[in-house]
Amino acid sequence: MTRLTVSHAWVEFHVQMSSAQSASITAGRTGGSIDASRGVVCALSDISLNLREGDRLGLIGHNGAGKTTMLRLLAGAYTPTRGQVMSVGRISTLFSSTPGLNLDGTGRENIVSCGLHLGMTPKQISERMDAIVDFADLGAYIDLPVRIYSAGMVTRLGFSIATSVDPEILLLDEGLATGDAQFAHKAQERMQDLMTRSAILVIASHSEALVANFCNRCVLLEHGRIVSEGSAADLVAAYRESVVAAAREDDEASLRRAYELATDMAKRGELPPLALEEQGLRYALQLQPNDLSMIRRYIHVRQAQGLSIPLPIEMQVVESALSADPDNVELLARFTELQTRLEETLP
């Protein structure tokens, strides 16, 4: 029976550090922990997992939390410096949509070489050749050297080959490229079919929808450690809270992540939590600082949480209203009051 077991595994990288560097090291928001005394970066620390047939595991966490390193550990690309990884079943990895392409070979020749690279037998490659060619939809270019392909054509070919495997244990990085917009819908359906056919799925993802739809288990990684494990719904909520907490401390990556999470929820027709939406709007206002509809929404979200409105934001709204109605006595008085308060806060 297919299974994948990780027992107290560590992935450590030795680095050379001067005494001055060792003395100045502090914990960062991303990346694994640093043991300056041993000159070691602990990319993953004390990881234990037990996956059996039917398990779909989502890996979530900030950029740099250890998701990709975890996938590479499970795939055997990284040997644990401590602990062990044991697997029963063929492991298929999709970290890149162009696995081992030879630019001087033709598209058809690359189907053979890349198929072998992915673990397919010559017989399997022969049986799937026509299907791969049809899916890539490259026409006569399939028999021409890959070096003359556009970037989009290379991605289409690579994706078609990479997703033609029959996975038992599928390790998937959500960052896998799927090519141009015209190809994207077909590629998404192909990915969903591939994930459904796998006996065990492990996917590193930022997409709450993807994790919720495909995963029955989830782990939250932070600084190379598993800090929480449970249902996708519970872990996604915990992840949102961690993003909001970091964004409130003006961490730029977390502000952007809050914006992406809130946008993703809105696209699915869901209302983002107010705290998440607030931080997402903060990031959006950095990009479009004069968007009054966005500013008004930001004010509404702050008020709904019982929070005060930042003086510069309120002044911007009042100033905009004054430009439309310059004789409004109440607006003039409010603008003067806000201006005075703002000046008092300046050094």
C-alpha atoms as a PDB file:
ATOM      1  CA  MET A   1       0.000   0.000   0.000  1.00  0.00           C
ATOM      2  CA  THR A   2       1.259   3.483  -0.875  1.00  0.00           C
ATOM      3  CA  ARG A   3       2.621   5.449   2.058  1.00  0.00           C
ATOM      4  CA  LEU A   4       5.077   8.202   2.924  1.00  0.00           C
ATOM      5  CA  THR A   5       6.583   8.540   6.407  1.00  0.00           C
ATOM      6  CA  VAL A   6       8.880  11.208   7.807  1.00  0.00           C
ATOM      7  CA  SER A   7      10.365  10.672  11.271  1.00  0.00           C
ATOM      8  CA  HIS A   8      12.045  13.584  13.095  1.00  0.00           C
ATOM      9  CA  ALA A   9      13.798  14.762   9.930  1.00  0.00           C
ATOM     10  CA  TRP A  10      16.088  17.786   9.759  1.00  0.00           C
ATOM     11  CA  VAL A  11      17.547  19.509   6.725  1.00  0.00           C
ATOM     12  CA  GLU A  12      20.601  21.578   7.603  1.00  0.00           C
ATOM     13  CA  PHE A  13      23.011  23.544   5.451  1.00  0.00           C
ATOM     14  CA  HIS A  14      26.497  24.434   6.633  1.00  0.00           C
ATOM     15  CA  VAL A  15      27.545  28.028   5.971  1.00  0.00           C
ATOM     16  CA  GLN A  16      30.680  29.955   6.768  1.00  0.00           C
ATOM     17  CA  MET A  17      30.127  32.960   9.007  1.00  0.00           C
ATOM     18  CA  SER A  18      32.578  35.412  10.432  1.00  0.00           C
ATOM     19  CA  SER A  19      32.537  36.100  14.165  1.00  0.00           C
ATOM     20  CA  ALA A  20      30.983  39.508  13.451  1.00  0.00           C
ATOM     21  CA  GLN A  21      28.193  37.893  11.405  1.00  0.00           C
ATOM     22  CA  SER A  22      27.566  35.301  14.117  1.00  0.00           C
ATOM     23  CA  ALA A  23      27.263  38.019  16.738  1.00  0.00           C
ATOM     24  CA  SER A  24      24.821  40.106  14.697  1.00  0.00           C
ATOM     25  CA  ILE A  25      22.410  37.354  13.636  1.00  0.00           C
ATOM     26  CA  THR A  26      18.817  37.815  14.743  1.00  0.00           C
ATOM     27  CA  ALA A  27      15.688  35.874  13.870  1.00  0.00           C
ATOM     28  CA  GLY A  28      14.092  37.000  10.617  1.00  0.00           C
ATOM     29  CA  ARG A  29      10.535  36.776   9.414  1.00  0.00           C
ATOM     30  CA  THR A  30      11.365  34.189   6.754  1.00  0.00           C
ATOM     31  CA  GLY A  31      13.743  31.296   6.286  1.00  0.00           C
ATOM     32  CA  GLY A  32      14.798  28.562   8.668  1.00  0.00           C
ATOM     33  CA  SER A  33      16.516  29.033  11.998  1.00  0.00           C
ATOM     34  CA  ILE A  34      20.224  29.878  12.147  1.00  0.00           C
ATOM     35  CA  ASP A  35      22.567  28.149  14.592  1.00  0.00           C
ATOM     36  CA  ALA A  36      25.488  30.566  14.544  1.00  0.00           C
ATOM     37  CA  SER A  37      27.516  28.511  17.040  1.00  0.00           C
ATOM     38  CA  ARG A  38      27.644  25.555  14.602  1.00  0.00           C
ATOM     39  CA  GLY A  39      27.546  27.613  11.396  1.00  0.00           C
ATOM     40  CA  VAL A  40      24.341  25.867  10.303  1.00  0.00           C
ATOM     41  CA  VAL A  41      21.058  26.996   8.745  1.00  0.00           C
ATOM     42  CA  CYS A  42      18.254  24.642   9.809  1.00  0.00           C
ATOM     43  CA  ALA A  43      15.972  24.787   6.759  1.00  0.00           C
ATOM     44  CA  LEU A  44      13.680  22.141   8.278  1.00  0.00           C
ATOM     45  CA  SER A  45      13.611  21.163  11.944  1.00  0.00           C
ATOM     46  CA  ASP A  46      12.215  17.969  13.480  1.00  0.00           C
ATOM     47  CA  ILE A  47       9.626  17.167  10.788  1.00  0.00           C
ATOM     48  CA  SER A  48       7.359  14.152  11.347  1.00  0.00           C
ATOM     49  CA  LEU A  49       4.547  13.088   8.992  1.00  0.00           C
ATOM     50  CA  ASN A  50       2.684   9.863   8.255  1.00  0.00           C
ATOM     51  CA  LEU A  51       0.788   9.846   4.939  1.00  0.00           C
ATOM     52  CA  ARG A  52      -1.255   6.911   3.675  1.00  0.00           C
ATOM     53  CA  GLU A  53      -3.245   6.200   0.542  1.00  0.00           C
ATOM     54  CA  GLY A  54      -6.017   8.767   0.127  1.00  0.00           C
ATOM     55  CA  ASP A  55      -4.230  11.525   2.033  1.00  0.00           C
ATOM     56  CA  ARG A  56      -4.096  14.978   0.436  1.00  0.00           C
ATOM     57  CA  LEU A  57      -1.754  17.209   2.409  1.00  0.00           C
ATOM     58  CA  GLY A  58      -1.532  20.973   1.941  1.00  0.00           C
ATOM     59  CA  LEU A  59       1.609  22.855   2.972  1.00  0.00           C
ATOM     60  CA  ILE A  60       0.920  26.485   3.796  1.00  0.00           C
ATOM     61  CA  GLY A  61       2.968  29.287   5.311  1.00  0.00           C
ATOM     62  CA  HIS A  62       4.777  32.519   4.509  1.00  0.00           C
ATOM     63  CA  ASN A  63       7.270  32.704   1.674  1.00  0.00           C
ATOM     64  CA  GLY A  64      10.441  31.221   3.113  1.00  0.00           C
ATOM     65  CA  ALA A  65       8.581  29.082   5.663  1.00  0.00           C
ATOM     66  CA  GLY A  66      10.028  25.849   4.235  1.00  0.00           C
ATOM     67  CA  LYS A  67       7.312  24.571   1.864  1.00  0.00           C
ATOM     68  CA  THR A  68       9.539  23.974  -1.165  1.00  0.00           C
ATOM     69  CA  THR A  69      12.308  22.515   1.016  1.00  0.00           C
ATOM     70  CA  MET A  70       9.740  20.115   2.463  1.00  0.00           C
ATOM     71  CA  LEU A  71       8.728  18.976  -1.025  1.00  0.00           C
ATOM     72  CA  ARG A  72      12.365  18.399  -1.958  1.00  0.00           C
ATOM     73  CA  LEU A  73      12.919  16.419   1.249  1.00  0.00           C
ATOM     74  CA  LEU A  74       9.933  14.183   0.454  1.00  0.00           C
ATOM     75  CA  ALA A  75      11.154  13.752  -3.133  1.00  0.00           C
ATOM     76  CA  GLY A  76      14.609  12.653  -2.017  1.00  0.00           C
ATOM     77  CA  ALA A  77      16.362  15.679  -3.505  1.00  0.00           C
ATOM     78  CA  TYR A  78      17.535  16.563   0.023  1.00  0.00           C
ATOM     79  CA  THR A  79      18.857  13.839   2.317  1.00  0.00           C
ATOM     80  CA  PRO A  80      17.876  14.496   5.942  1.00  0.00           C
ATOM     81  CA  THR A  81      20.856  15.349   8.128  1.00  0.00           C
ATOM     82  CA  ARG A  82      18.954  13.766  11.014  1.00  0.00           C
ATOM     83  CA  GLY A  83      15.914  11.494  11.042  1.00  0.00           C
ATOM     84  CA  GLN A  84      14.616   9.583   8.044  1.00  0.00           C
ATOM     85  CA  VAL A  85      12.133   9.583   5.157  1.00  0.00           C
ATOM     86  CA  MET A  86      10.558   6.307   4.000  1.00  0.00           C
ATOM     87  CA  SER A  87       8.223   5.808   1.042  1.00  0.00           C
ATOM     88  CA  VAL A  88       6.322   2.985  -0.606  1.00  0.00           C
ATOM     89  CA  GLY A  89       5.127   3.873  -4.106  1.00  0.00           C
ATOM     90  CA  ARG A  90       6.439   5.774  -7.108  1.00  0.00           C
ATOM     91  CA  ILE A  91       7.049   9.454  -6.369  1.00  0.00           C
ATOM     92  CA  SER A  92       6.246  11.978  -9.113  1.00  0.00           C
ATOM     93  CA  THR A  93       7.425  15.552  -8.669  1.00  0.00           C
ATOM     94  CA  LEU A  94       6.058  18.615 -10.415  1.00  0.00           C
ATOM     95  CA  PHE A  95       8.277  21.482  -9.315  1.00  0.00           C
ATOM     96  CA  SER A  96       8.965  22.695 -12.851  1.00  0.00           C
ATOM     97  CA  SER A  97       6.946  22.646 -16.052  1.00  0.00           C
ATOM     98  CA  THR A  98      10.121  22.139 -18.089  1.00  0.00           C
ATOM     99  CA  PRO A  99      11.742  19.021 -16.564  1.00  0.00           C
ATOM    100  CA  GLY A 100      15.110  18.477 -18.287  1.00  0.00           C
ATOM    101  CA  LEU A 101      14.341  19.982 -21.682  1.00  0.00           C
ATOM    102  CA  ASN A 102      17.116  19.797 -24.274  1.00  0.00           C
ATOM    103  CA  LEU A 103      16.933  22.971 -26.340  1.00  0.00           C
ATOM    104  CA  ASP A 104      18.720  21.373 -29.311  1.00  0.00           C
ATOM    105  CA  GLY A 105      16.297  18.453 -29.457  1.00  0.00           C
ATOM    106  CA  THR A 106      12.937  18.560 -31.210  1.00  0.00           C
ATOM    107  CA  GLY A 107       9.710  18.699 -29.256  1.00  0.00           C
ATOM    108  CA  ARG A 108       9.067  15.027 -29.998  1.00  0.00           C
ATOM    109  CA  GLU A 109      12.591  14.028 -28.923  1.00  0.00           C
ATOM    110  CA  ASN A 110      12.108  15.955 -25.691  1.00  0.00           C
ATOM    111  CA  ILE A 111       8.909  14.062 -24.963  1.00  0.00           C
ATOM    112  CA  VAL A 112      11.015  10.882 -24.941  1.00  0.00           C
ATOM    113  CA  SER A 113      13.942  12.245 -22.904  1.00  0.00           C
ATOM    114  CA  CYS A 114      11.798  14.169 -20.402  1.00  0.00           C
ATOM    115  CA  GLY A 115       9.403  11.235 -20.061  1.00  0.00           C
ATOM    116  CA  LEU A 116      12.340   9.011 -19.094  1.00  0.00           C
ATOM    117  CA  HIS A 117      13.508  11.747 -16.699  1.00  0.00           C
ATOM    118  CA  LEU A 118      10.081  11.632 -15.023  1.00  0.00           C
ATOM    119  CA  GLY A 119      10.231   7.860 -14.603  1.00  0.00           C
ATOM    120  CA  MET A 120       8.062   6.695 -17.495  1.00  0.00           C
ATOM    121  CA  THR A 121       9.059   3.567 -19.425  1.00  0.00           C
ATOM    122  CA  PRO A 122       9.705   3.692 -23.194  1.00  0.00           C
ATOM    123  CA  LYS A 123       6.459   1.770 -23.711  1.00  0.00           C
ATOM    124  CA  GLN A 124       4.472   4.292 -21.652  1.00  0.00           C
ATOM    125  CA  ILE A 125       6.031   7.185 -23.569  1.00  0.00           C
ATOM    126  CA  SER A 126       5.153   5.561 -26.900  1.00  0.00           C
ATOM    127  CA  GLU A 127       1.572   4.952 -25.789  1.00  0.00           C
ATOM    128  CA  ARG A 128       1.140   8.555 -24.612  1.00  0.00           C
ATOM    129  CA  MET A 129       3.079  10.314 -27.368  1.00  0.00           C
ATOM    130  CA  ASP A 130       0.040  11.295 -29.460  1.00  0.00           C
ATOM    131  CA  ALA A 131      -1.894  12.520 -26.411  1.00  0.00           C
ATOM    132  CA  ILE A 132       1.035  14.671 -25.265  1.00  0.00           C
ATOM    133  CA  VAL A 133       1.496  16.128 -28.756  1.00  0.00           C
ATOM    134  CA  ASP A 134      -2.233  16.891 -29.049  1.00  0.00           C
ATOM    135  CA  PHE A 135      -2.367  18.554 -25.629  1.00  0.00           C
ATOM    136  CA  ALA A 136       0.686  20.740 -26.298  1.00  0.00           C
ATOM    137  CA  ASP A 137      -0.981  21.881 -29.554  1.00  0.00           C
ATOM    138  CA  LEU A 138       2.263  23.023 -31.194  1.00  0.00           C
ATOM    139  CA  GLY A 139       1.406  21.890 -34.718  1.00  0.00           C
ATOM    140  CA  ALA A 140       4.413  21.378 -37.019  1.00  0.00           C
ATOM    141  CA  TYR A 141       6.726  22.878 -34.385  1.00  0.00           C
ATOM    142  CA  ILE A 142       6.656  19.561 -32.499  1.00  0.00           C
ATOM    143  CA  ASP A 143       9.295  18.266 -34.960  1.00  0.00           C
ATOM    144  CA  LEU A 144      11.471  21.384 -34.835  1.00  0.00           C
ATOM    145  CA  PRO A 145      14.237  22.228 -32.304  1.00  0.00           C
ATOM    146  CA  VAL A 146      12.979  23.590 -29.000  1.00  0.00           C
ATOM    147  CA  ARG A 147      15.528  26.434 -29.153  1.00  0.00           C
ATOM    148  CA  ILE A 148      13.337  28.211 -31.757  1.00  0.00           C
ATOM    149  CA  TYR A 149      10.215  27.992 -29.550  1.00  0.00           C
ATOM    150  CA  SER A 150       8.773  31.023 -27.791  1.00  0.00           C
ATOM    151  CA  ALA A 151       8.747  30.970 -23.980  1.00  0.00           C
ATOM    152  CA  GLY A 152       5.038  30.132 -24.044  1.00  0.00           C
ATOM    153  CA  MET A 153       5.581  27.216 -26.439  1.00  0.00           C
ATOM    154  CA  VAL A 154       8.349  25.798 -24.242  1.00  0.00           C
ATOM    155  CA  THR A 155       6.065  25.968 -21.212  1.00  0.00           C
ATOM    156  CA  ARG A 156       3.203  24.280 -23.098  1.00  0.00           C
ATOM    157  CA  LEU A 157       5.444  21.412 -24.159  1.00  0.00           C
ATOM    158  CA  GLY A 158       7.000  20.999 -20.720  1.00  0.00           C
ATOM    159  CA  PHE A 159       3.655  21.135 -18.939  1.00  0.00           C
ATOM    160  CA  SER A 160       2.146  18.572 -21.317  1.00  0.00           C
ATOM    161  CA  ILE A 161       5.023  16.163 -20.633  1.00  0.00           C
ATOM    162  CA  ALA A 162       5.156  16.787 -16.873  1.00  0.00           C
ATOM    163  CA  THR A 163       1.441  16.113 -16.373  1.00  0.00           C
ATOM    164  CA  SER A 164       1.340  12.923 -18.445  1.00  0.00           C
ATOM    165  CA  VAL A 165       2.659  10.753 -15.599  1.00  0.00           C
ATOM    166  CA  ASP A 166       0.576   8.276 -13.592  1.00  0.00           C
ATOM    167  CA  PRO A 167       1.374   9.405 -10.053  1.00  0.00           C
ATOM    168  CA  GLU A 168       1.207   7.264  -6.939  1.00  0.00           C
ATOM    169  CA  ILE A 169       2.741   9.908  -4.694  1.00  0.00           C
ATOM    170  CA  LEU A 170       2.435  13.356  -6.292  1.00  0.00           C
ATOM    171  CA  LEU A 171       4.506  16.250  -4.924  1.00  0.00           C
ATOM    172  CA  LEU A 172       3.303  19.504  -6.421  1.00  0.00           C
ATOM    173  CA  ASP A 173       4.530  23.075  -6.177  1.00  0.00           C
ATOM    174  CA  GLU A 174       1.621  25.414  -6.934  1.00  0.00           C
ATOM    175  CA  GLY A 175       4.070  27.767  -8.652  1.00  0.00           C
ATOM    176  CA  LEU A 176       4.177  25.360 -11.630  1.00  0.00           C
ATOM    177  CA  ALA A 177       3.790  27.489 -14.762  1.00  0.00           C
ATOM    178  CA  THR A 178       0.925  26.707 -17.136  1.00  0.00           C
ATOM    179  CA  GLY A 179       1.699  29.002 -20.071  1.00  0.00           C
ATOM    180  CA  ASP A 180      -0.414  31.647 -21.775  1.00  0.00           C
ATOM    181  CA  ALA A 181      -3.996  32.580 -20.894  1.00  0.00           C
ATOM    182  CA  GLN A 182      -5.468  30.567 -23.771  1.00  0.00           C
ATOM    183  CA  PHE A 183      -3.761  27.441 -22.425  1.00  0.00           C
ATOM    184  CA  ALA A 184      -4.497  28.129 -18.750  1.00  0.00           C
ATOM    185  CA  HIS A 185      -8.054  26.733 -18.576  1.00  0.00           C
ATOM    186  CA  LYS A 186      -7.096  23.464 -20.245  1.00  0.00           C
ATOM    187  CA  ALA A 187      -4.035  23.251 -17.987  1.00  0.00           C
ATOM    188  CA  GLN A 188      -6.121  23.770 -14.838  1.00  0.00           C
ATOM    189  CA  GLU A 189      -8.428  20.885 -15.752  1.00  0.00           C
ATOM    190  CA  ARG A 190      -5.399  18.699 -16.442  1.00  0.00           C
ATOM    191  CA  MET A 191      -3.900  19.523 -13.039  1.00  0.00           C
ATOM    192  CA  GLN A 192      -7.142  18.737 -11.235  1.00  0.00           C
ATOM    193  CA  ASP A 193      -7.360  15.362 -12.977  1.00  0.00           C
ATOM    194  CA  LEU A 194      -3.738  14.610 -12.083  1.00  0.00           C
ATOM    195  CA  MET A 195      -4.297  15.441  -8.414  1.00  0.00           C
ATOM    196  CA  THR A 196      -7.451  13.313  -8.305  1.00  0.00           C
ATOM    197  CA  ARG A 197      -5.633  10.302  -9.779  1.00  0.00           C
ATOM    198  CA  SER A 198      -2.752  10.360  -7.273  1.00  0.00           C
ATOM    199  CA  ALA A 199      -2.848   7.987  -4.293  1.00  0.00           C
ATOM    200  CA  ILE A 200      -1.081  10.530  -2.066  1.00  0.00           C
ATOM    201  CA  LEU A 201      -0.900  14.256  -2.827  1.00  0.00           C
ATOM    202  CA  VAL A 202       1.347  16.825  -1.157  1.00  0.00           C
ATOM    203  CA  ILE A 203       0.936  20.368  -2.459  1.00  0.00           C
ATOM    204  CA  ALA A 204       2.675  23.581  -1.420  1.00  0.00           C
ATOM    205  CA  SER A 205       0.190  26.359  -2.001  1.00  0.00           C
ATOM    206  CA  HIS A 206      -0.886  29.895  -1.122  1.00  0.00           C
ATOM    207  CA  SER A 207      -4.369  29.274  -2.549  1.00  0.00           C
ATOM    208  CA  GLU A 208      -6.972  28.728   0.141  1.00  0.00           C
ATOM    209  CA  ALA A 209      -9.427  27.474  -2.488  1.00  0.00           C
ATOM    210  CA  LEU A 210      -6.993  24.867  -3.786  1.00  0.00           C
ATOM    211  CA  VAL A 211      -6.146  23.612  -0.296  1.00  0.00           C
ATOM    212  CA  ALA A 212      -9.800  23.531   0.750  1.00  0.00           C
ATOM    213  CA  ASN A 213     -10.910  21.716  -2.420  1.00  0.00           C
ATOM    214  CA  PHE A 214      -8.200  19.075  -2.625  1.00  0.00           C
ATOM    215  CA  CYS A 215      -6.701  18.553   0.833  1.00  0.00           C
ATOM    216  CA  ASN A 216      -8.077  16.615   3.796  1.00  0.00           C
ATOM    217  CA  ARG A 217      -5.054  17.523   5.914  1.00  0.00           C
ATOM    218  CA  CYS A 218      -2.930  20.609   6.231  1.00  0.00           C
ATOM    219  CA  VAL A 219       0.242  21.724   7.998  1.00  0.00           C
ATOM    220  CA  LEU A 220       1.300  25.284   8.733  1.00  0.00           C
ATOM    221  CA  LEU A 221       5.048  25.840   8.433  1.00  0.00           C
ATOM    222  CA  GLU A 222       6.980  28.635  10.069  1.00  0.00           C
ATOM    223  CA  HIS A 223      10.779  28.995  10.025  1.00  0.00           C
ATOM    224  CA  GLY A 224      11.145  25.403   8.869  1.00  0.00           C
ATOM    225  CA  ARG A 225       8.986  23.913  11.623  1.00  0.00           C
ATOM    226  CA  ILE A 226       5.474  22.493  11.650  1.00  0.00           C
ATOM    227  CA  VAL A 227       3.669  24.824  14.041  1.00  0.00           C
ATOM    228  CA  SER A 228       0.142  23.490  13.457  1.00  0.00           C
ATOM    229  CA  GLU A 229      -1.504  20.498  11.826  1.00  0.00           C
ATOM    230  CA  GLY A 230      -5.176  19.818  11.249  1.00  0.00           C
ATOM    231  CA  SER A 231      -8.068  20.358   8.873  1.00  0.00           C
ATOM    232  CA  ALA A 232      -7.593  22.667   5.912  1.00  0.00           C
ATOM    233  CA  ALA A 233     -10.300  25.064   7.182  1.00  0.00           C
ATOM    234  CA  ASP A 234      -8.719  25.465  10.644  1.00  0.00           C
ATOM    235  CA  LEU A 235      -5.188  25.852   9.338  1.00  0.00           C
ATOM    236  CA  VAL A 236      -6.178  28.341   6.633  1.00  0.00           C
ATOM    237  CA  ALA A 237      -7.832  30.500   9.312  1.00  0.00           C
ATOM    238  CA  ALA A 238      -4.681  30.310  11.448  1.00  0.00           C
ATOM    239  CA  TYR A 239      -2.564  31.221   8.432  1.00  0.00           C
ATOM    240  CA  ARG A 240      -4.727  34.277   7.728  1.00  0.00           C
ATOM    241  CA  GLU A 241      -4.308  35.426  11.319  1.00  0.00           C
ATOM    242  CA  SER A 242      -0.531  35.077  11.089  1.00  0.00           C
ATOM    243  CA  VAL A 243      -0.479  37.083   7.857  1.00  0.00           C
ATOM    244  CA  VAL A 244      -2.598  39.852   9.408  1.00  0.00           C
ATOM    245  CA  ALA A 245      -0.409  39.978  12.524  1.00  0.00           C
ATOM    246  CA  ALA A 246       2.765  40.360  10.445  1.00  0.00           C
ATOM    247  CA  ALA A 247       1.118  42.910   8.127  1.00  0.00           C
ATOM    248  CA  ARG A 248       0.156  45.072  11.108  1.00  0.00           C
ATOM    249  CA  GLU A 249       3.860  45.308  11.880  1.00  0.00           C
ATOM    250  CA  ASP A 250       4.400  46.743   8.373  1.00  0.00           C
ATOM    251  CA  ASP A 251       6.026  43.637   6.929  1.00  0.00           C
ATOM    252  CA  GLU A 252       5.843  44.342   3.195  1.00  0.00           C
ATOM    253  CA  ALA A 253       5.636  40.690   2.123  1.00  0.00           C
ATOM    254  CA  SER A 254       2.778  40.067   4.553  1.00  0.00           C
ATOM    255  CA  LEU A 255       0.903  43.164   3.364  1.00  0.00           C
ATOM    256  CA  ARG A 256       1.108  41.850  -0.186  1.00  0.00           C
ATOM    257  CA  ARG A 257       0.067  38.367   0.998  1.00  0.00           C
ATOM    258  CA  ALA A 258      -2.967  39.865   2.801  1.00  0.00           C
ATOM    259  CA  TYR A 259      -3.954  41.616  -0.419  1.00  0.00           C
ATOM    260  CA  GLU A 260      -3.616  38.376  -2.399  1.00  0.00           C
ATOM    261  CA  LEU A 261      -5.614  36.359   0.140  1.00  0.00           C
ATOM    262  CA  ALA A 262      -8.405  38.955   0.315  1.00  0.00           C
ATOM    263  CA  THR A 263      -8.531  39.212  -3.480  1.00  0.00           C
ATOM    264  CA  ASP A 264      -8.633  35.424  -3.822  1.00  0.00           C
ATOM    265  CA  MET A 265     -11.603  35.240  -1.435  1.00  0.00           C
ATOM    266  CA  ALA A 266     -13.443  38.034  -3.251  1.00  0.00           C
ATOM    267  CA  LYS A 267     -12.994  36.241  -6.585  1.00  0.00           C
ATOM    268  CA  ARG A 268     -14.681  33.187  -5.052  1.00  0.00           C
ATOM    269  CA  GLY A 269     -17.605  35.330  -3.885  1.00  0.00           C
ATOM    270  CA  GLU A 270     -16.552  35.182  -0.223  1.00  0.00           C
ATOM    271  CA  LEU A 271     -16.355  38.189   2.086  1.00  0.00           C
ATOM    272  CA  PRO A 272     -12.839  38.481   3.560  1.00  0.00           C
ATOM    273  CA  PRO A 273     -12.569  38.949   7.331  1.00  0.00           C
ATOM    274  CA  LEU A 274     -12.391  42.653   8.161  1.00  0.00           C
ATOM    275  CA  ALA A 275      -8.879  42.442   9.609  1.00  0.00           C
ATOM    276  CA  LEU A 276      -7.594  40.718   6.469  1.00  0.00           C
ATOM    277  CA  GLU A 277      -9.390  43.145   4.160  1.00  0.00           C
ATOM    278  CA  GLU A 278      -7.974  46.116   6.084  1.00  0.00           C
ATOM    279  CA  GLN A 279      -4.379  44.972   5.563  1.00  0.00           C
ATOM    280  CA  GLY A 280      -5.080  44.121   1.935  1.00  0.00           C
ATOM    281  CA  LEU A 281      -6.447  47.624   1.391  1.00  0.00           C
ATOM    282  CA  ARG A 282      -3.356  49.116   3.027  1.00  0.00           C
ATOM    283  CA  TYR A 283      -1.244  47.378   0.402  1.00  0.00           C
ATOM    284  CA  ALA A 284      -3.580  48.378  -2.441  1.00  0.00           C
ATOM    285  CA  LEU A 285      -3.478  52.019  -1.334  1.00  0.00           C
ATOM    286  CA  GLN A 286       0.299  51.959  -1.654  1.00  0.00           C
ATOM    287  CA  LEU A 287      -0.248  51.201  -5.334  1.00  0.00           C
ATOM    288  CA  GLN A 288      -3.187  53.567  -5.864  1.00  0.00           C
ATOM    289  CA  PRO A 289      -3.010  56.182  -3.096  1.00  0.00           C
ATOM    290  CA  ASN A 290      -5.604  58.503  -4.693  1.00  0.00           C
ATOM    291  CA  ASP A 291      -8.350  55.943  -5.282  1.00  0.00           C
ATOM    292  CA  LEU A 292     -11.186  57.540  -3.280  1.00  0.00           C
ATOM    293  CA  SER A 293     -13.523  54.552  -3.484  1.00  0.00           C
ATOM    294  CA  MET A 294     -10.768  52.390  -2.002  1.00  0.00           C
ATOM    295  CA  ILE A 295     -10.050  54.987   0.666  1.00  0.00           C
ATOM    296  CA  ARG A 296     -13.724  55.111   1.653  1.00  0.00           C
ATOM    297  CA  ARG A 297     -13.833  51.308   1.850  1.00  0.00           C
ATOM    298  CA  TYR A 298     -10.715  51.364   4.025  1.00  0.00           C
ATOM    299  CA  ILE A 299     -12.367  53.892   6.355  1.00  0.00           C
ATOM    300  CA  HIS A 300     -15.527  51.764   6.527  1.00  0.00           C
ATOM    301  CA  VAL A 301     -13.525  48.630   7.361  1.00  0.00           C
ATOM    302  CA  ARG A 302     -11.609  50.458  10.108  1.00  0.00           C
ATOM    303  CA  GLN A 303     -14.807  51.878  11.609  1.00  0.00           C
ATOM    304  CA  ALA A 304     -16.499  48.467  11.507  1.00  0.00           C
ATOM    305  CA  GLN A 305     -13.674  47.174  13.716  1.00  0.00           C
ATOM    306  CA  GLY A 306     -14.009  50.108  16.109  1.00  0.00           C
ATOM    307  CA  LEU A 307     -10.681  51.564  14.994  1.00  0.00           C
ATOM    308  CA  SER A 308      -9.823  55.225  14.500  1.00  0.00           C
ATOM    309  CA  ILE A 309      -9.156  56.659  11.041  1.00  0.00           C
ATOM    310  CA  PRO A 310      -5.556  57.718  10.325  1.00  0.00           C
ATOM    311  CA  LEU A 311      -5.368  61.507  10.020  1.00  0.00           C
ATOM    312  CA  PRO A 312      -3.776  61.582   6.543  1.00  0.00           C
ATOM    313  CA  ILE A 313      -6.517  59.314   5.178  1.00  0.00           C
ATOM    314  CA  GLU A 314      -9.357  61.401   6.613  1.00  0.00           C
ATOM    315  CA  MET A 315      -7.717  64.609   5.386  1.00  0.00           C
ATOM    316  CA  GLN A 316      -7.490  63.164   1.886  1.00  0.00           C
ATOM    317  CA  VAL A 317     -11.208  62.404   1.859  1.00  0.00           C
ATOM    318  CA  VAL A 318     -12.184  65.810   3.260  1.00  0.00           C
ATOM    319  CA  GLU A 319      -9.883  67.580   0.810  1.00  0.00           C
ATOM    320  CA  SER A 320     -11.460  65.698  -2.071  1.00  0.00           C
ATOM    321  CA  ALA A 321     -14.942  66.628  -0.865  1.00  0.00           C
ATOM    322  CA  LEU A 322     -13.873  70.280  -0.555  1.00  0.00           C
ATOM    323  CA  SER A 323     -12.651  70.340  -4.148  1.00  0.00           C
ATOM    324  CA  ALA A 324     -16.192  69.439  -5.201  1.00  0.00           C
ATOM    325  CA  ASP A 325     -17.887  71.770  -2.708  1.00  0.00           C
ATOM    326  CA  PRO A 326     -15.390  74.536  -1.701  1.00  0.00           C
ATOM    327  CA  ASP A 327     -18.008  76.656   0.102  1.00  0.00           C
ATOM    328  CA  ASN A 328     -19.081  73.927   2.516  1.00  0.00           C
ATOM    329  CA  VAL A 329     -18.521  75.481   5.951  1.00  0.00           C
ATOM    330  CA  GLU A 330     -18.579  72.162   7.843  1.00  0.00           C
ATOM    331  CA  LEU A 331     -15.995  70.625   5.528  1.00  0.00           C
ATOM    332  CA  LEU A 332     -13.759  73.688   5.842  1.00  0.00           C
ATOM    333  CA  ALA A 333     -13.949  73.539   9.625  1.00  0.00           C
ATOM    334  CA  ARG A 334     -13.199  69.813   9.661  1.00  0.00           C
ATOM    335  CA  PHE A 335     -10.255  70.251   7.292  1.00  0.00           C
ATOM    336  CA  THR A 336      -8.812  73.035   9.478  1.00  0.00           C
ATOM    337  CA  GLU A 337      -9.214  70.876  12.588  1.00  0.00           C
ATOM    338  CA  LEU A 338      -7.510  67.899  10.963  1.00  0.00           C
ATOM    339  CA  GLN A 339      -4.698  70.069   9.633  1.00  0.00           C
ATOM    340  CA  THR A 340      -4.065  71.441  13.117  1.00  0.00           C
ATOM    341  CA  ARG A 341      -4.019  67.976  14.647  1.00  0.00           C
ATOM    342  CA  LEU A 342      -1.660  66.717  11.977  1.00  0.00           C
ATOM    343  CA  GLU A 343       0.754  69.617  12.560  1.00  0.00           C
ATOM    344  CA  GLU A 344       0.733  68.890  16.281  1.00  0.00           C
ATOM    345  CA  THR A 345       1.885  65.348  15.628  1.00  0.00           C
ATOM    346  CA  LEU A 346       4.825  66.437  13.484  1.00  0.00           C
ATOM    347  CA  PRO A 347       8.235  66.672  15.207  1.00  0.00           C
END
